[in-house]
Amino acid sequence: MTQKIALITGASRGFGAALAEELAALNWHVVAVARTTGALEELDDRIQARGGNATLAPMDVCNIEAMRHLCRSIYDRWGKVDLWAHTAIHVPPMSPADHLDAKDWDKTVATGVTVPGQLIPFVSPLLRASGAGVAVHVDDPNAGKFLGAYAAAKSAQRTLFASWAAENQTIADLDVRTFTPAPMATATRARFYPGEDRAPLAHPTDEAKRLISTL
């Protein structure tokens, strides 16, 4: 197997979808994970139209047993992962900190903190099997009033990946890095800043290409 394998958790839209599409166009095989089957199928159509190929994995990243099975299946089929990007997020409604909805809080923390904490032990051996595996933490320092739940989860995720990166600084077969996209014209951004002029915002495709240029 000479084709590089990319695992993208949260690949149905926004930056994750753009990254999947651009990698596939460069002859990477993309394993695209997301809950929304229709959006994944639309992504696959775009990938195939550009001559690429992907494996669709319509599942909730919070389903740990499903993710365990997926990682085992990746090992059985390809024996490695060359790139993992965790772009899955849960964006709760904007809310004052003293009005946080418990269910939204749990989902935000589960997706942003618990899931990567569970996936790192699953994906790390696959990345090491590549001989030069790269794990990318897609950061978002966006914080401020009414963004407490989202910002708290991203902050915890940032700390988790920073620790993992520090632990592997001297290990040649695994590169853990952080990528911070410029503010992008995504649905998440629109939810945080309704009515914002989107013209100056970056396009997810351009930011995906910028990340790929560093690999």
N, C-alpha and C. Protein backbone atom coordinates (compact mmCIF):
# COMPACT_ATOMS: atom_id res chain seq x y z
N MET A 1 0.85 -1.19 0.00
CA MET A 1 0.00 0.00 0.00
C MET A 1 0.89 1.24 0.00
N THR A 2 0.92 1.92 -1.13
CA THR A 2 1.71 3.15 -1.22
C THR A 2 0.85 4.40 -1.06
N GLN A 3 -0.46 4.28 -1.24
CA GLN A 3 -1.33 5.43 -1.11
C GLN A 3 -1.42 5.85 0.34
N LYS A 4 -1.35 7.14 0.58
CA LYS A 4 -1.45 7.64 1.94
C LYS A 4 -2.90 7.63 2.41
N ILE A 5 -3.07 7.38 3.71
CA ILE A 5 -4.39 7.25 4.31
C ILE A 5 -4.61 8.41 5.28
N ALA A 6 -5.73 9.09 5.11
CA ALA A 6 -6.10 10.19 6.02
C ALA A 6 -7.40 9.83 6.72
N LEU A 7 -7.40 9.96 8.03
CA LEU A 7 -8.61 9.79 8.84
C LEU A 7 -9.08 11.17 9.28
N ILE A 8 -10.27 11.53 8.86
CA ILE A 8 -10.81 12.84 9.22
C ILE A 8 -12.10 12.64 9.99
N THR A 9 -12.06 12.95 11.27
CA THR A 9 -13.25 12.83 12.11
C THR A 9 -13.94 14.18 12.15
N GLY A 10 -15.15 14.22 11.56
CA GLY A 10 -15.86 15.48 11.40
C GLY A 10 -15.71 15.99 9.98
N ALA A 11 -15.98 15.11 9.00
CA ALA A 11 -15.64 15.42 7.60
C ALA A 11 -16.83 15.84 6.75
N SER A 12 -18.00 16.03 7.33
CA SER A 12 -19.18 16.23 6.49
C SER A 12 -19.32 17.64 5.95
N ARG A 13 -18.73 18.62 6.65
CA ARG A 13 -18.90 20.01 6.19
C ARG A 13 -17.75 20.87 6.70
N GLY A 14 -17.73 22.12 6.27
CA GLY A 14 -16.75 23.07 6.76
C GLY A 14 -15.32 22.67 6.45
N PHE A 15 -14.43 22.93 7.40
CA PHE A 15 -13.00 22.69 7.20
C PHE A 15 -12.71 21.20 7.01
N GLY A 16 -13.39 20.34 7.77
CA GLY A 16 -13.15 18.91 7.63
C GLY A 16 -13.46 18.40 6.23
N ALA A 17 -14.57 18.84 5.67
CA ALA A 17 -14.94 18.43 4.32
C ALA A 17 -13.96 18.97 3.29
N ALA A 18 -13.55 20.22 3.46
CA ALA A 18 -12.60 20.82 2.53
C ALA A 18 -11.27 20.08 2.57
N LEU A 19 -10.82 19.72 3.78
CA LEU A 19 -9.57 18.99 3.91
C LEU A 19 -9.67 17.62 3.24
N ALA A 20 -10.78 16.94 3.45
CA ALA A 20 -10.98 15.64 2.83
C ALA A 20 -10.94 15.73 1.32
N GLU A 21 -11.61 16.72 0.78
CA GLU A 21 -11.68 16.88 -0.67
C GLU A 21 -10.32 17.19 -1.27
N GLU A 22 -9.57 18.08 -0.63
CA GLU A 22 -8.27 18.47 -1.17
C GLU A 22 -7.25 17.33 -1.05
N LEU A 23 -7.28 16.59 0.04
CA LEU A 23 -6.36 15.46 0.18
C LEU A 23 -6.67 14.39 -0.87
N ALA A 24 -7.95 14.09 -1.07
CA ALA A 24 -8.33 13.08 -2.06
C ALA A 24 -7.88 13.48 -3.46
N ALA A 25 -7.93 14.77 -3.74
CA ALA A 25 -7.49 15.25 -5.05
C ALA A 25 -5.99 15.06 -5.25
N LEU A 26 -5.26 14.88 -4.15
CA LEU A 26 -3.82 14.64 -4.20
C LEU A 26 -3.49 13.15 -4.07
N ASN A 27 -4.50 12.31 -4.31
CA ASN A 27 -4.36 10.85 -4.31
C ASN A 27 -4.20 10.24 -2.92
N TRP A 28 -4.62 10.96 -1.88
CA TRP A 28 -4.76 10.33 -0.58
C TRP A 28 -6.08 9.57 -0.57
N HIS A 29 -6.12 8.46 0.16
CA HIS A 29 -7.40 7.80 0.41
C HIS A 29 -7.92 8.33 1.73
N VAL A 30 -9.12 8.88 1.71
CA VAL A 30 -9.68 9.54 2.87
C VAL A 30 -10.74 8.66 3.52
N VAL A 31 -10.59 8.45 4.82
CA VAL A 31 -11.64 7.82 5.62
C VAL A 31 -12.40 8.96 6.29
N ALA A 32 -13.59 9.21 5.81
CA ALA A 32 -14.37 10.37 6.23
C ALA A 32 -15.44 9.96 7.23
N VAL A 33 -15.35 10.51 8.43
CA VAL A 33 -16.25 10.15 9.52
C VAL A 33 -17.16 11.34 9.86
N ALA A 34 -18.45 11.08 9.93
CA ALA A 34 -19.42 12.11 10.34
C ALA A 34 -20.76 11.44 10.57
N ARG A 35 -21.64 12.13 11.28
CA ARG A 35 -22.96 11.57 11.55
C ARG A 35 -23.90 11.68 10.37
N THR A 36 -23.73 12.72 9.54
CA THR A 36 -24.71 13.03 8.51
C THR A 36 -24.41 12.29 7.22
N THR A 37 -25.17 11.24 6.96
CA THR A 37 -24.91 10.39 5.79
C THR A 37 -25.03 11.18 4.49
N GLY A 38 -26.07 12.00 4.38
CA GLY A 38 -26.27 12.76 3.15
C GLY A 38 -25.11 13.67 2.83
N ALA A 39 -24.59 14.35 3.85
CA ALA A 39 -23.46 15.25 3.63
C ALA A 39 -22.20 14.48 3.23
N LEU A 40 -22.01 13.30 3.83
CA LEU A 40 -20.88 12.46 3.44
C LEU A 40 -21.01 12.00 1.99
N GLU A 41 -22.21 11.64 1.58
CA GLU A 41 -22.41 11.21 0.20
C GLU A 41 -22.15 12.36 -0.78
N GLU A 42 -22.54 13.57 -0.40
CA GLU A 42 -22.25 14.73 -1.24
C GLU A 42 -20.74 14.96 -1.33
N LEU A 43 -20.05 14.80 -0.20
CA LEU A 43 -18.60 14.91 -0.20
C LEU A 43 -17.99 13.87 -1.12
N ASP A 44 -18.48 12.64 -1.05
CA ASP A 44 -17.95 11.57 -1.89
C ASP A 44 -18.16 11.87 -3.37
N ASP A 45 -19.30 12.45 -3.70
CA ASP A 45 -19.57 12.83 -5.10
C ASP A 45 -18.53 13.85 -5.57
N ARG A 46 -18.22 14.82 -4.73
CA ARG A 46 -17.23 15.85 -5.12
C ARG A 46 -15.84 15.23 -5.25
N ILE A 47 -15.52 14.32 -4.34
CA ILE A 47 -14.21 13.66 -4.40
C ILE A 47 -14.09 12.84 -5.67
N GLN A 48 -15.12 12.05 -6.00
CA GLN A 48 -15.06 11.21 -7.19
C GLN A 48 -15.02 12.06 -8.46
N ALA A 49 -15.69 13.20 -8.44
CA ALA A 49 -15.68 14.08 -9.61
C ALA A 49 -14.29 14.61 -9.91
N ARG A 50 -13.45 14.64 -8.88
CA ARG A 50 -12.07 15.11 -9.07
C ARG A 50 -11.09 13.94 -9.18
N GLY A 51 -11.61 12.74 -9.31
CA GLY A 51 -10.75 11.58 -9.52
C GLY A 51 -10.22 10.95 -8.26
N GLY A 52 -10.74 11.34 -7.11
CA GLY A 52 -10.26 10.79 -5.85
C GLY A 52 -11.12 9.66 -5.35
N ASN A 53 -10.77 9.13 -4.18
CA ASN A 53 -11.57 8.06 -3.59
C ASN A 53 -11.58 8.19 -2.09
N ALA A 54 -12.66 7.72 -1.50
CA ALA A 54 -12.84 7.84 -0.05
C ALA A 54 -13.63 6.66 0.47
N THR A 55 -13.47 6.41 1.76
CA THR A 55 -14.30 5.45 2.48
C THR A 55 -15.17 6.26 3.43
N LEU A 56 -16.48 6.11 3.31
CA LEU A 56 -17.40 6.85 4.15
C LEU A 56 -17.71 6.06 5.41
N ALA A 57 -17.65 6.73 6.54
CA ALA A 57 -17.95 6.09 7.82
C ALA A 57 -19.01 6.93 8.54
N PRO A 58 -20.29 6.72 8.20
CA PRO A 58 -21.36 7.49 8.83
C PRO A 58 -21.63 7.01 10.25
N MET A 59 -21.03 7.68 11.20
CA MET A 59 -21.20 7.28 12.60
C MET A 59 -20.95 8.48 13.50
N ASP A 60 -21.43 8.38 14.70
CA ASP A 60 -21.24 9.41 15.71
C ASP A 60 -19.89 9.17 16.38
N VAL A 61 -19.00 10.15 16.33
CA VAL A 61 -17.68 9.97 16.95
C VAL A 61 -17.79 9.72 18.45
N CYS A 62 -18.93 10.08 19.05
CA CYS A 62 -19.13 9.86 20.48
C CYS A 62 -19.46 8.41 20.80
N ASN A 63 -19.73 7.61 19.77
CA ASN A 63 -19.97 6.18 19.96
C ASN A 63 -18.62 5.48 20.00
N ILE A 64 -18.08 5.29 21.19
CA ILE A 64 -16.71 4.82 21.32
C ILE A 64 -16.52 3.43 20.75
N GLU A 65 -17.52 2.57 20.86
CA GLU A 65 -17.37 1.22 20.33
C GLU A 65 -17.34 1.24 18.80
N ALA A 66 -18.13 2.12 18.19
CA ALA A 66 -18.10 2.26 16.74
C ALA A 66 -16.74 2.75 16.28
N MET A 67 -16.17 3.72 17.01
CA MET A 67 -14.86 4.26 16.65
C MET A 67 -13.76 3.21 16.87
N ARG A 68 -13.89 2.43 17.91
CA ARG A 68 -12.92 1.35 18.15
C ARG A 68 -12.94 0.36 16.98
N HIS A 69 -14.16 0.00 16.56
CA HIS A 69 -14.31 -0.94 15.44
C HIS A 69 -13.75 -0.33 14.16
N LEU A 70 -13.98 0.97 13.94
CA LEU A 70 -13.47 1.62 12.73
C LEU A 70 -11.94 1.58 12.70
N CYS A 71 -11.32 1.91 13.83
CA CYS A 71 -9.85 1.91 13.86
C CYS A 71 -9.29 0.52 13.63
N ARG A 72 -9.96 -0.49 14.19
CA ARG A 72 -9.53 -1.87 13.95
C ARG A 72 -9.68 -2.22 12.47
N SER A 73 -10.77 -1.77 11.85
CA SER A 73 -11.00 -2.05 10.43
C SER A 73 -9.95 -1.36 9.56
N ILE A 74 -9.56 -0.14 9.94
CA ILE A 74 -8.51 0.56 9.20
C ILE A 74 -7.20 -0.23 9.28
N TYR A 75 -6.90 -0.74 10.48
CA TYR A 75 -5.68 -1.53 10.64
C TYR A 75 -5.73 -2.79 9.78
N ASP A 76 -6.87 -3.47 9.80
CA ASP A 76 -7.00 -4.72 9.05
C ASP A 76 -6.88 -4.48 7.54
N ARG A 77 -7.37 -3.33 7.08
CA ARG A 77 -7.37 -3.08 5.63
C ARG A 77 -6.09 -2.42 5.15
N TRP A 78 -5.60 -1.41 5.88
CA TRP A 78 -4.45 -0.65 5.41
C TRP A 78 -3.23 -0.74 6.33
N GLY A 79 -3.44 -1.09 7.58
CA GLY A 79 -2.33 -1.26 8.49
C GLY A 79 -1.73 0.02 9.03
N LYS A 80 -2.32 1.17 8.70
CA LYS A 80 -1.73 2.45 9.11
C LYS A 80 -2.70 3.59 8.88
N VAL A 81 -2.36 4.73 9.44
CA VAL A 81 -2.95 6.03 9.10
C VAL A 81 -1.79 7.01 8.98
N ASP A 82 -1.74 7.77 7.90
CA ASP A 82 -0.67 8.75 7.71
C ASP A 82 -1.03 10.11 8.29
N LEU A 83 -2.32 10.40 8.37
CA LEU A 83 -2.76 11.69 8.89
C LEU A 83 -4.09 11.51 9.60
N TRP A 84 -4.18 12.08 10.80
CA TRP A 84 -5.46 12.16 11.50
C TRP A 84 -5.74 13.61 11.82
N ALA A 85 -6.91 14.08 11.41
CA ALA A 85 -7.36 15.42 11.77
C ALA A 85 -8.73 15.31 12.44
N HIS A 86 -8.79 15.77 13.68
CA HIS A 86 -10.07 15.74 14.41
C HIS A 86 -10.72 17.12 14.30
N THR A 87 -11.69 17.21 13.40
CA THR A 87 -12.37 18.48 13.17
C THR A 87 -13.80 18.47 13.68
N ALA A 88 -14.22 17.35 14.27
CA ALA A 88 -15.59 17.25 14.78
C ALA A 88 -15.77 18.16 15.99
N ILE A 89 -16.85 18.90 16.00
CA ILE A 89 -17.18 19.77 17.12
C ILE A 89 -18.69 19.75 17.33
N HIS A 90 -19.10 20.10 18.53
CA HIS A 90 -20.51 20.38 18.80
C HIS A 90 -20.59 21.84 19.18
N VAL A 91 -21.40 22.57 18.45
CA VAL A 91 -21.52 24.00 18.70
C VAL A 91 -22.83 24.27 19.42
N PRO A 92 -22.76 24.52 20.72
CA PRO A 92 -24.00 24.78 21.47
C PRO A 92 -24.52 26.17 21.17
N PRO A 93 -25.78 26.43 21.47
CA PRO A 93 -26.29 27.79 21.32
C PRO A 93 -25.49 28.75 22.20
N MET A 94 -25.29 29.95 21.71
CA MET A 94 -24.62 30.96 22.53
C MET A 94 -25.45 31.20 23.79
N SER A 95 -24.76 31.26 24.92
CA SER A 95 -25.48 31.33 26.19
C SER A 95 -24.58 31.93 27.26
N PRO A 96 -25.15 32.73 28.17
CA PRO A 96 -24.37 33.13 29.35
C PRO A 96 -23.94 31.89 30.14
N ALA A 97 -22.84 32.00 30.81
CA ALA A 97 -22.31 30.85 31.55
C ALA A 97 -23.29 30.35 32.61
N ASP A 98 -24.09 31.25 33.16
CA ASP A 98 -25.03 30.81 34.20
C ASP A 98 -26.36 30.35 33.63
N HIS A 99 -26.43 30.19 32.29
CA HIS A 99 -27.63 29.65 31.66
C HIS A 99 -27.30 28.46 30.74
N LEU A 100 -26.15 27.83 30.96
CA LEU A 100 -25.76 26.72 30.11
C LEU A 100 -26.75 25.57 30.24
N ASP A 101 -27.15 25.03 29.09
CA ASP A 101 -28.02 23.86 29.08
C ASP A 101 -27.17 22.61 29.34
N ALA A 102 -27.61 21.77 30.27
CA ALA A 102 -26.81 20.62 30.69
C ALA A 102 -26.55 19.65 29.53
N LYS A 103 -27.55 19.41 28.70
CA LYS A 103 -27.37 18.47 27.59
C LYS A 103 -26.38 19.03 26.57
N ASP A 104 -26.48 20.33 26.28
CA ASP A 104 -25.53 20.92 25.34
C ASP A 104 -24.12 20.92 25.91
N TRP A 105 -24.01 21.19 27.20
CA TRP A 105 -22.69 21.14 27.84
C TRP A 105 -22.07 19.74 27.71
N ASP A 106 -22.87 18.71 28.01
CA ASP A 106 -22.36 17.35 27.94
C ASP A 106 -21.93 16.99 26.52
N LYS A 107 -22.72 17.39 25.52
CA LYS A 107 -22.40 17.06 24.13
C LYS A 107 -21.15 17.81 23.68
N THR A 108 -21.03 19.06 24.10
CA THR A 108 -19.86 19.86 23.72
C THR A 108 -18.58 19.27 24.30
N VAL A 109 -18.61 18.90 25.57
CA VAL A 109 -17.44 18.32 26.23
C VAL A 109 -17.14 16.93 25.66
N ALA A 110 -18.18 16.17 25.40
CA ALA A 110 -17.97 14.82 24.85
C ALA A 110 -17.26 14.89 23.51
N THR A 111 -17.75 15.74 22.61
CA THR A 111 -17.18 15.81 21.27
C THR A 111 -15.80 16.45 21.27
N GLY A 112 -15.65 17.51 22.05
CA GLY A 112 -14.40 18.27 22.01
C GLY A 112 -13.30 17.74 22.89
N VAL A 113 -13.64 17.02 23.96
CA VAL A 113 -12.63 16.60 24.94
C VAL A 113 -12.60 15.08 25.11
N THR A 114 -13.76 14.49 25.44
CA THR A 114 -13.79 13.05 25.70
C THR A 114 -13.42 12.25 24.45
N VAL A 115 -13.98 12.62 23.31
CA VAL A 115 -13.72 11.85 22.09
C VAL A 115 -12.25 11.85 21.70
N PRO A 116 -11.60 13.01 21.59
CA PRO A 116 -10.17 12.92 21.25
C PRO A 116 -9.35 12.18 22.31
N GLY A 117 -9.75 12.32 23.58
CA GLY A 117 -9.05 11.59 24.63
C GLY A 117 -9.18 10.08 24.45
N GLN A 118 -10.32 9.63 23.95
CA GLN A 118 -10.53 8.21 23.69
C GLN A 118 -9.88 7.76 22.39
N LEU A 119 -9.87 8.65 21.40
CA LEU A 119 -9.36 8.27 20.08
C LEU A 119 -7.84 8.24 20.02
N ILE A 120 -7.17 9.08 20.78
CA ILE A 120 -5.71 9.12 20.73
C ILE A 120 -5.11 7.73 20.95
N PRO A 121 -5.53 6.96 21.97
CA PRO A 121 -4.97 5.61 22.13
C PRO A 121 -5.29 4.67 20.97
N PHE A 122 -6.42 4.89 20.29
CA PHE A 122 -6.78 4.05 19.15
C PHE A 122 -5.95 4.41 17.92
N VAL A 123 -5.78 5.71 17.67
CA VAL A 123 -5.18 6.17 16.43
C VAL A 123 -3.66 6.20 16.50
N SER A 124 -3.11 6.42 17.68
CA SER A 124 -1.66 6.53 17.81
C SER A 124 -0.91 5.33 17.22
N PRO A 125 -1.30 4.08 17.50
CA PRO A 125 -0.58 2.95 16.88
C PRO A 125 -0.68 2.95 15.36
N LEU A 126 -1.80 3.42 14.82
CA LEU A 126 -1.96 3.48 13.36
C LEU A 126 -1.03 4.53 12.77
N LEU A 127 -0.89 5.66 13.45
CA LEU A 127 0.01 6.70 12.99
C LEU A 127 1.46 6.24 13.06
N ARG A 128 1.82 5.56 14.13
CA ARG A 128 3.19 5.07 14.27
C ARG A 128 3.52 4.02 13.21
N ALA A 129 2.50 3.24 12.83
CA ALA A 129 2.72 2.22 11.79
C ALA A 129 3.05 2.85 10.45
N SER A 130 2.65 4.10 10.25
CA SER A 130 2.99 4.82 9.02
C SER A 130 4.48 5.08 8.92
N GLY A 131 5.13 5.23 10.08
CA GLY A 131 6.54 5.60 10.09
C GLY A 131 6.76 7.09 10.11
N ALA A 132 5.73 7.84 9.74
CA ALA A 132 5.83 9.30 9.75
C ALA A 132 4.43 9.89 9.88
N GLY A 133 3.65 9.33 10.81
CA GLY A 133 2.26 9.76 10.98
C GLY A 133 2.16 11.16 11.55
N VAL A 134 1.12 11.87 11.13
CA VAL A 134 0.87 13.24 11.59
C VAL A 134 -0.53 13.33 12.18
N ALA A 135 -0.62 13.82 13.40
CA ALA A 135 -1.90 14.11 14.04
C ALA A 135 -2.05 15.62 14.11
N VAL A 136 -3.17 16.13 13.63
CA VAL A 136 -3.38 17.56 13.57
C VAL A 136 -4.51 17.97 14.50
N HIS A 137 -4.18 18.81 15.45
CA HIS A 137 -5.19 19.45 16.28
C HIS A 137 -5.61 20.74 15.58
N VAL A 138 -6.88 20.80 15.17
CA VAL A 138 -7.40 22.00 14.52
C VAL A 138 -7.93 22.92 15.60
N ASP A 139 -7.21 24.00 15.84
CA ASP A 139 -7.51 24.87 16.97
C ASP A 139 -8.46 25.99 16.58
N ASP A 140 -9.10 26.54 17.58
CA ASP A 140 -9.94 27.73 17.42
C ASP A 140 -9.88 28.50 18.73
N PRO A 141 -9.07 29.56 18.78
CA PRO A 141 -8.94 30.33 20.02
C PRO A 141 -10.11 31.25 20.29
N ASN A 142 -11.17 31.15 19.47
CA ASN A 142 -12.33 32.02 19.60
C ASN A 142 -12.93 31.89 21.00
N ALA A 143 -13.02 32.98 21.72
CA ALA A 143 -13.57 32.97 23.07
C ALA A 143 -14.20 34.34 23.34
N GLY A 144 -14.96 34.39 24.40
CA GLY A 144 -15.62 35.65 24.74
C GLY A 144 -16.97 35.38 25.35
N LYS A 145 -17.72 36.42 25.53
CA LYS A 145 -19.02 36.26 26.18
C LYS A 145 -19.94 35.39 25.35
N PHE A 146 -20.70 34.58 26.04
CA PHE A 146 -21.69 33.67 25.48
C PHE A 146 -21.08 32.47 24.74
N LEU A 147 -19.77 32.33 24.77
CA LEU A 147 -19.11 31.21 24.10
C LEU A 147 -18.42 30.28 25.10
N GLY A 148 -18.84 30.35 26.36
CA GLY A 148 -18.12 29.65 27.41
C GLY A 148 -17.98 28.16 27.20
N ALA A 149 -19.07 27.47 26.83
CA ALA A 149 -19.01 26.02 26.68
C ALA A 149 -18.09 25.63 25.53
N TYR A 150 -18.25 26.26 24.40
CA TYR A 150 -17.42 25.96 23.23
C TYR A 150 -15.95 26.27 23.52
N ALA A 151 -15.70 27.46 24.08
CA ALA A 151 -14.31 27.86 24.34
C ALA A 151 -13.66 26.97 25.39
N ALA A 152 -14.43 26.54 26.38
CA ALA A 152 -13.87 25.66 27.42
C ALA A 152 -13.47 24.32 26.83
N ALA A 153 -14.31 23.77 25.96
CA ALA A 153 -13.99 22.49 25.34
C ALA A 153 -12.77 22.60 24.44
N LYS A 154 -12.69 23.68 23.66
CA LYS A 154 -11.54 23.86 22.78
C LYS A 154 -10.27 24.07 23.59
N SER A 155 -10.37 24.77 24.72
CA SER A 155 -9.20 24.99 25.57
C SER A 155 -8.69 23.67 26.13
N ALA A 156 -9.60 22.82 26.60
CA ALA A 156 -9.20 21.52 27.13
C ALA A 156 -8.59 20.65 26.03
N GLN A 157 -9.19 20.70 24.84
CA GLN A 157 -8.66 19.94 23.70
C GLN A 157 -7.25 20.42 23.36
N ARG A 158 -7.06 21.73 23.39
CA ARG A 158 -5.75 22.33 23.11
C ARG A 158 -4.70 21.80 24.08
N THR A 159 -5.05 21.74 25.36
CA THR A 159 -4.13 21.26 26.39
C THR A 159 -3.80 19.79 26.20
N LEU A 160 -4.82 18.99 25.85
CA LEU A 160 -4.62 17.56 25.62
C LEU A 160 -3.62 17.33 24.49
N PHE A 161 -3.83 18.00 23.36
CA PHE A 161 -2.94 17.79 22.22
C PHE A 161 -1.55 18.37 22.48
N ALA A 162 -1.47 19.47 23.24
CA ALA A 162 -0.16 20.03 23.57
C ALA A 162 0.65 19.05 24.41
N SER A 163 -0.01 18.37 25.33
CA SER A 163 0.66 17.37 26.14
C SER A 163 1.12 16.21 25.27
N TRP A 164 0.25 15.73 24.38
CA TRP A 164 0.61 14.63 23.49
C TRP A 164 1.78 15.02 22.59
N ALA A 165 1.76 16.26 22.10
CA ALA A 165 2.86 16.74 21.25
C ALA A 165 4.18 16.76 22.02
N ALA A 166 4.14 17.25 23.26
CA ALA A 166 5.36 17.33 24.06
C ALA A 166 5.92 15.94 24.34
N GLU A 167 5.04 14.99 24.54
CA GLU A 167 5.47 13.62 24.83
C GLU A 167 6.15 12.96 23.64
N ASN A 168 5.91 13.50 22.44
CA ASN A 168 6.43 12.88 21.22
C ASN A 168 7.42 13.76 20.47
N GLN A 169 7.96 14.76 21.12
CA GLN A 169 8.87 15.67 20.43
C GLN A 169 10.11 14.97 19.89
N THR A 170 10.58 13.96 20.57
CA THR A 170 11.81 13.29 20.15
C THR A 170 11.55 11.95 19.48
N ILE A 171 10.30 11.70 19.12
CA ILE A 171 9.95 10.43 18.49
C ILE A 171 9.71 10.67 17.00
N ALA A 172 10.48 9.99 16.16
CA ALA A 172 10.49 10.31 14.73
C ALA A 172 9.25 9.82 13.99
N ASP A 173 8.56 8.80 14.51
CA ASP A 173 7.47 8.22 13.73
C ASP A 173 6.10 8.84 14.00
N LEU A 174 6.07 9.91 14.81
CA LEU A 174 4.79 10.55 15.11
C LEU A 174 4.98 12.05 15.31
N ASP A 175 4.25 12.82 14.55
CA ASP A 175 4.31 14.28 14.62
C ASP A 175 2.93 14.79 15.02
N VAL A 176 2.82 15.34 16.23
CA VAL A 176 1.57 15.91 16.71
C VAL A 176 1.69 17.42 16.63
N ARG A 177 0.80 18.03 15.89
CA ARG A 177 0.92 19.47 15.67
C ARG A 177 -0.43 20.16 15.77
N THR A 178 -0.39 21.47 15.91
CA THR A 178 -1.60 22.29 15.96
C THR A 178 -1.67 23.16 14.72
N PHE A 179 -2.86 23.25 14.16
CA PHE A 179 -3.10 24.14 13.02
C PHE A 179 -4.27 25.05 13.38
N THR A 180 -4.05 26.35 13.25
CA THR A 180 -5.10 27.32 13.56
C THR A 180 -5.54 28.01 12.28
N PRO A 181 -6.68 27.62 11.72
CA PRO A 181 -7.15 28.27 10.49
C PRO A 181 -7.49 29.73 10.74
N ALA A 182 -7.38 30.53 9.71
CA ALA A 182 -7.90 31.88 9.77
C ALA A 182 -9.42 31.82 9.93
N PRO A 183 -10.04 32.87 10.45
CA PRO A 183 -11.51 32.87 10.55
C PRO A 183 -12.14 32.53 9.19
N MET A 184 -12.99 31.52 9.18
CA MET A 184 -13.53 31.01 7.92
C MET A 184 -15.03 31.24 7.81
N ALA A 185 -15.49 31.29 6.59
CA ALA A 185 -16.92 31.49 6.31
C ALA A 185 -17.62 30.13 6.42
N THR A 186 -17.81 29.68 7.65
CA THR A 186 -18.46 28.39 7.90
C THR A 186 -19.77 28.60 8.65
N ALA A 187 -20.55 27.53 8.75
CA ALA A 187 -21.80 27.61 9.50
C ALA A 187 -21.53 27.88 10.97
N THR A 188 -20.44 27.34 11.49
CA THR A 188 -20.09 27.59 12.90
C THR A 188 -19.84 29.07 13.13
N ARG A 189 -19.06 29.67 12.26
CA ARG A 189 -18.77 31.10 12.39
C ARG A 189 -20.06 31.92 12.29
N ALA A 190 -20.94 31.56 11.37
CA ALA A 190 -22.19 32.29 11.20
C ALA A 190 -23.06 32.19 12.45
N ARG A 191 -22.96 31.07 13.14
CA ARG A 191 -23.74 30.89 14.36
C ARG A 191 -23.22 31.80 15.47
N PHE A 192 -21.90 31.97 15.51
CA PHE A 192 -21.31 32.82 16.53
C PHE A 192 -21.51 34.31 16.22
N TYR A 193 -21.46 34.64 14.93
CA TYR A 193 -21.51 36.05 14.53
C TYR A 193 -22.57 36.25 13.44
N PRO A 194 -23.84 36.12 13.79
CA PRO A 194 -24.91 36.31 12.79
C PRO A 194 -24.88 37.74 12.25
N GLY A 195 -25.02 37.83 10.95
CA GLY A 195 -25.02 39.15 10.32
C GLY A 195 -23.65 39.68 9.98
N GLU A 196 -22.60 38.94 10.31
CA GLU A 196 -21.23 39.38 10.02
C GLU A 196 -21.00 39.42 8.51
N ASP A 197 -20.24 40.38 8.05
CA ASP A 197 -19.83 40.44 6.65
C ASP A 197 -18.86 39.28 6.40
N ARG A 198 -19.26 38.34 5.56
CA ARG A 198 -18.46 37.14 5.34
C ARG A 198 -17.41 37.31 4.25
N ALA A 199 -17.49 38.42 3.53
CA ALA A 199 -16.55 38.62 2.41
C ALA A 199 -15.09 38.57 2.83
N PRO A 200 -14.69 39.17 3.97
CA PRO A 200 -13.27 39.13 4.33
C PRO A 200 -12.81 37.78 4.91
N LEU A 201 -13.75 36.88 5.18
CA LEU A 201 -13.39 35.62 5.82
C LEU A 201 -12.73 34.66 4.83
N ALA A 202 -11.88 33.81 5.36
CA ALA A 202 -11.19 32.82 4.53
C ALA A 202 -12.16 31.73 4.08
N HIS A 203 -11.85 31.10 2.95
CA HIS A 203 -12.62 29.95 2.50
C HIS A 203 -12.00 28.69 3.08
N PRO A 204 -12.81 27.74 3.57
CA PRO A 204 -12.24 26.51 4.12
C PRO A 204 -11.28 25.79 3.18
N THR A 205 -11.54 25.84 1.88
CA THR A 205 -10.66 25.19 0.92
C THR A 205 -9.27 25.80 0.95
N ASP A 206 -9.19 27.12 1.04
CA ASP A 206 -7.89 27.79 1.07
C ASP A 206 -7.12 27.42 2.34
N GLU A 207 -7.84 27.32 3.46
CA GLU A 207 -7.17 26.96 4.71
C GLU A 207 -6.75 25.48 4.69
N ALA A 208 -7.55 24.63 4.06
CA ALA A 208 -7.16 23.23 3.92
C ALA A 208 -5.89 23.11 3.09
N LYS A 209 -5.81 23.87 2.02
CA LYS A 209 -4.59 23.84 1.19
C LYS A 209 -3.39 24.35 1.98
N ARG A 210 -3.62 25.34 2.84
CA ARG A 210 -2.52 25.87 3.64
C ARG A 210 -2.00 24.82 4.61
N LEU A 211 -2.91 24.06 5.21
CA LEU A 211 -2.48 22.97 6.09
C LEU A 211 -1.72 21.91 5.30
N ILE A 212 -2.27 21.51 4.17
CA ILE A 212 -1.64 20.46 3.37
C ILE A 212 -0.24 20.85 2.94
N SER A 213 -0.02 22.13 2.68
CA SER A 213 1.30 22.60 2.24
C SER A 213 2.36 22.40 3.30
N THR A 214 1.95 22.20 4.56
CA THR A 214 2.91 22.01 5.65
C THR A 214 3.22 20.55 5.92
N LEU A 215 2.49 19.64 5.26
CA LEU A 215 2.67 18.22 5.55
C LEU A 215 3.91 17.68 4.86
